[in-house]
Amino acid sequence: MHDQIISVLQLLHHHSWLAMDFILSALFYFTKQADFFTV
């Protein structure tokens, strides 16, 4: 169980740049949508 948690953490750490890229693109998309709706 402990090894499973460590492997999951390592996986998340390895793919953290993908997660960050996804989050940033999502934020960019939603801010663009917000600008569109405020206009």
PDB file of N, CA and C in Angstrom:
ATOM      1  N   MET A   1       0.838  -1.202   0.000  1.00  0.00           N
ATOM      2  CA  MET A   1       0.000   0.000   0.000  1.00  0.00           C
ATOM      3  C   MET A   1       0.874   1.253   0.000  1.00  0.00           C
ATOM      4  N   HIS A   2       1.886   1.249   0.862  1.00  0.00           N
ATOM      5  CA  HIS A   2       2.795   2.391   0.941  1.00  0.00           C
ATOM      6  C   HIS A   2       3.549   2.570  -0.377  1.00  0.00           C
ATOM      7  N   ASP A   3       3.978   1.460  -0.967  1.00  0.00           N
ATOM      8  CA  ASP A   3       4.687   1.528  -2.248  1.00  0.00           C
ATOM      9  C   ASP A   3       3.768   2.061  -3.350  1.00  0.00           C
ATOM     10  N   GLN A   4       2.491   1.716  -3.260  1.00  0.00           N
ATOM     11  CA  GLN A   4       1.522   2.203  -4.244  1.00  0.00           C
ATOM     12  C   GLN A   4       1.417   3.725  -4.180  1.00  0.00           C
ATOM     13  N   ILE A   5       1.337   4.252  -2.973  1.00  0.00           N
ATOM     14  CA  ILE A   5       1.236   5.704  -2.780  1.00  0.00           C
ATOM     15  C   ILE A   5       2.474   6.403  -3.340  1.00  0.00           C
ATOM     16  N   ILE A   6       3.648   5.836  -3.046  1.00  0.00           N
ATOM     17  CA  ILE A   6       4.898   6.418  -3.538  1.00  0.00           C
ATOM     18  C   ILE A   6       4.937   6.397  -5.069  1.00  0.00           C
ATOM     19  N   SER A   7       4.519   5.297  -5.672  1.00  0.00           N
ATOM     20  CA  SER A   7       4.537   5.206  -7.134  1.00  0.00           C
ATOM     21  C   SER A   7       3.563   6.205  -7.759  1.00  0.00           C
ATOM     22  N   VAL A   8       2.422   6.395  -7.123  1.00  0.00           N
ATOM     23  CA  VAL A   8       1.445   7.376  -7.610  1.00  0.00           C
ATOM     24  C   VAL A   8       2.018   8.786  -7.507  1.00  0.00           C
ATOM     25  N   LEU A   9       2.684   9.076  -6.380  1.00  0.00           N
ATOM     26  CA  LEU A   9       3.298  10.391  -6.205  1.00  0.00           C
ATOM     27  C   LEU A   9       4.385  10.633  -7.246  1.00  0.00           C
ATOM     28  N   GLN A  10       5.181   9.602  -7.521  1.00  0.00           N
ATOM     29  CA  GLN A  10       6.230   9.728  -8.534  1.00  0.00           C
ATOM     30  C   GLN A  10       5.618   9.969  -9.906  1.00  0.00           C
ATOM     31  N   LEU A  11       4.515   9.278 -10.191  1.00  0.00           N
ATOM     32  CA  LEU A  11       3.827   9.442 -11.464  1.00  0.00           C
ATOM     33  C   LEU A  11       3.298  10.869 -11.601  1.00  0.00           C
ATOM     34  N   LEU A  12       2.677  11.372 -10.537  1.00  0.00           N
ATOM     35  CA  LEU A  12       2.164  12.741 -10.542  1.00  0.00           C
ATOM     36  C   LEU A  12       3.291  13.749 -10.715  1.00  0.00           C
ATOM     37  N   HIS A  13       4.410  13.512 -10.033  1.00  0.00           N
ATOM     38  CA  HIS A  13       5.551  14.410 -10.138  1.00  0.00           C
ATOM     39  C   HIS A  13       6.102  14.397 -11.560  1.00  0.00           C
ATOM     40  N   HIS A  14       6.142  13.214 -12.168  1.00  0.00           N
ATOM     41  CA  HIS A  14       6.674  13.081 -13.521  1.00  0.00           C
ATOM     42  C   HIS A  14       5.783  13.789 -14.535  1.00  0.00           C
ATOM     43  N   HIS A  15       4.472  13.741 -14.307  1.00  0.00           N
ATOM     44  CA  HIS A  15       3.528  14.332 -15.253  1.00  0.00           C
ATOM     45  C   HIS A  15       2.987  15.681 -14.783  1.00  0.00           C
ATOM     46  N   SER A  16       3.635  16.265 -13.771  1.00  0.00           N
ATOM     47  CA  SER A  16       3.147  17.539 -13.230  1.00  0.00           C
ATOM     48  C   SER A  16       3.171  18.645 -14.283  1.00  0.00           C
ATOM     49  N   TRP A  17       4.154  18.597 -15.197  1.00  0.00           N
ATOM     50  CA  TRP A  17       4.221  19.628 -16.243  1.00  0.00           C
ATOM     51  C   TRP A  17       3.032  19.510 -17.187  1.00  0.00           C
ATOM     52  N   LEU A  18       2.565  18.275 -17.428  1.00  0.00           N
ATOM     53  CA  LEU A  18       1.371  18.087 -18.252  1.00  0.00           C
ATOM     54  C   LEU A  18       0.147  18.653 -17.546  1.00  0.00           C
ATOM     55  N   ALA A  19       0.060  18.393 -16.253  1.00  0.00           N
ATOM     56  CA  ALA A  19      -1.064  18.896 -15.471  1.00  0.00           C
ATOM     57  C   ALA A  19      -1.060  20.420 -15.459  1.00  0.00           C
ATOM     58  N   MET A  20       0.119  21.009 -15.267  1.00  0.00           N
ATOM     59  CA  MET A  20       0.233  22.465 -15.252  1.00  0.00           C
ATOM     60  C   MET A  20      -0.174  23.044 -16.601  1.00  0.00           C
ATOM     61  N   ASP A  21       0.260  22.408 -17.686  1.00  0.00           N
ATOM     62  CA  ASP A  21      -0.074  22.882 -19.023  1.00  0.00           C
ATOM     63  C   ASP A  21      -1.584  22.822 -19.241  1.00  0.00           C
ATOM     64  N   PHE A  22      -2.198  21.726 -18.777  1.00  0.00           N
ATOM     65  CA  PHE A  22      -3.649  21.555 -18.902  1.00  0.00           C
ATOM     66  C   PHE A  22      -4.388  22.619 -18.105  1.00  0.00           C
ATOM     67  N   ILE A  23      -3.932  22.856 -16.863  1.00  0.00           N
ATOM     68  CA  ILE A  23      -4.565  23.850 -15.995  1.00  0.00           C
ATOM     69  C   ILE A  23      -4.426  25.253 -16.590  1.00  0.00           C
ATOM     70  N   LEU A  24      -3.232  25.570 -17.081  1.00  0.00           N
ATOM     71  CA  LEU A  24      -3.011  26.891 -17.664  1.00  0.00           C
ATOM     72  C   LEU A  24      -3.864  27.097 -18.910  1.00  0.00           C
ATOM     73  N   SER A  25      -3.946  26.082 -19.761  1.00  0.00           N
ATOM     74  CA  SER A  25      -4.765  26.214 -20.970  1.00  0.00           C
ATOM     75  C   SER A  25      -6.248  26.328 -20.620  1.00  0.00           C
ATOM     76  N   ALA A  26      -6.677  25.607 -19.578  1.00  0.00           N
ATOM     77  CA  ALA A  26      -8.069  25.688 -19.138  1.00  0.00           C
ATOM     78  C   ALA A  26      -8.374  27.079 -18.590  1.00  0.00           C
ATOM     79  N   LEU A  27      -7.456  27.612 -17.781  1.00  0.00           N
ATOM     80  CA  LEU A  27      -7.635  28.960 -17.235  1.00  0.00           C
ATOM     81  C   LEU A  27      -7.682  29.990 -18.357  1.00  0.00           C
ATOM     82  N   PHE A  28      -6.789  29.851 -19.333  1.00  0.00           N
ATOM     83  CA  PHE A  28      -6.753  30.762 -20.471  1.00  0.00           C
ATOM     84  C   PHE A  28      -8.080  30.709 -21.232  1.00  0.00           C
ATOM     85  N   TYR A  29      -8.572  29.490 -21.462  1.00  0.00           N
ATOM     86  CA  TYR A  29      -9.841  29.302 -22.170  1.00  0.00           C
ATOM     87  C   TYR A  29     -10.999  29.962 -21.427  1.00  0.00           C
ATOM     88  N   PHE A  30     -11.055  29.721 -20.099  1.00  0.00           N
ATOM     89  CA  PHE A  30     -12.161  30.275 -19.318  1.00  0.00           C
ATOM     90  C   PHE A  30     -12.080  31.793 -19.210  1.00  0.00           C
ATOM     91  N   THR A  31     -10.870  32.348 -19.149  1.00  0.00           N
ATOM     92  CA  THR A  31     -10.744  33.804 -19.103  1.00  0.00           C
ATOM     93  C   THR A  31     -11.151  34.410 -20.445  1.00  0.00           C
ATOM     94  N   LYS A  32     -10.828  33.716 -21.538  1.00  0.00           N
ATOM     95  CA  LYS A  32     -11.242  34.191 -22.854  1.00  0.00           C
ATOM     96  C   LYS A  32     -12.771  34.161 -22.955  1.00  0.00           C
ATOM     97  N   GLN A  33     -13.386  33.095 -22.430  1.00  0.00           N
ATOM     98  CA  GLN A  33     -14.842  32.981 -22.422  1.00  0.00           C
ATOM     99  C   GLN A  33     -15.455  34.101 -21.578  1.00  0.00           C
ATOM    100  N   ALA A  34     -14.837  34.390 -20.440  1.00  0.00           N
ATOM    101  CA  ALA A  34     -15.331  35.440 -19.553  1.00  0.00           C
ATOM    102  C   ALA A  34     -15.262  36.792 -20.263  1.00  0.00           C
ATOM    103  N   ASP A  35     -14.164  37.054 -20.968  1.00  0.00           N
ATOM    104  CA  ASP A  35     -14.025  38.300 -21.718  1.00  0.00           C
ATOM    105  C   ASP A  35     -15.112  38.389 -22.793  1.00  0.00           C
ATOM    106  N   PHE A  36     -15.382  37.272 -23.425  1.00  0.00           N
ATOM    107  CA  PHE A  36     -16.401  37.225 -24.465  1.00  0.00           C
ATOM    108  C   PHE A  36     -17.780  37.559 -23.903  1.00  0.00           C
ATOM    109  N   PHE A  37     -18.086  37.013 -22.722  1.00  0.00           N
ATOM    110  CA  PHE A  37     -19.398  37.247 -22.124  1.00  0.00           C
ATOM    111  C   PHE A  37     -19.536  38.649 -21.545  1.00  0.00           C
ATOM    112  N   THR A  38     -18.429  39.253 -21.118  1.00  0.00           N
ATOM    113  CA  THR A  38     -18.515  40.600 -20.544  1.00  0.00           C
ATOM    114  C   THR A  38     -18.669  41.652 -21.630  1.00  0.00           C
ATOM    115  N   VAL A  39     -18.234  41.362 -22.835  1.00  0.00           N
ATOM    116  CA  VAL A  39     -18.324  42.322 -23.934  1.00  0.00           C
ATOM    117  C   VAL A  39     -19.778  42.474 -24.386  1.00  0.00           C
TER     118      VAL A  39
END
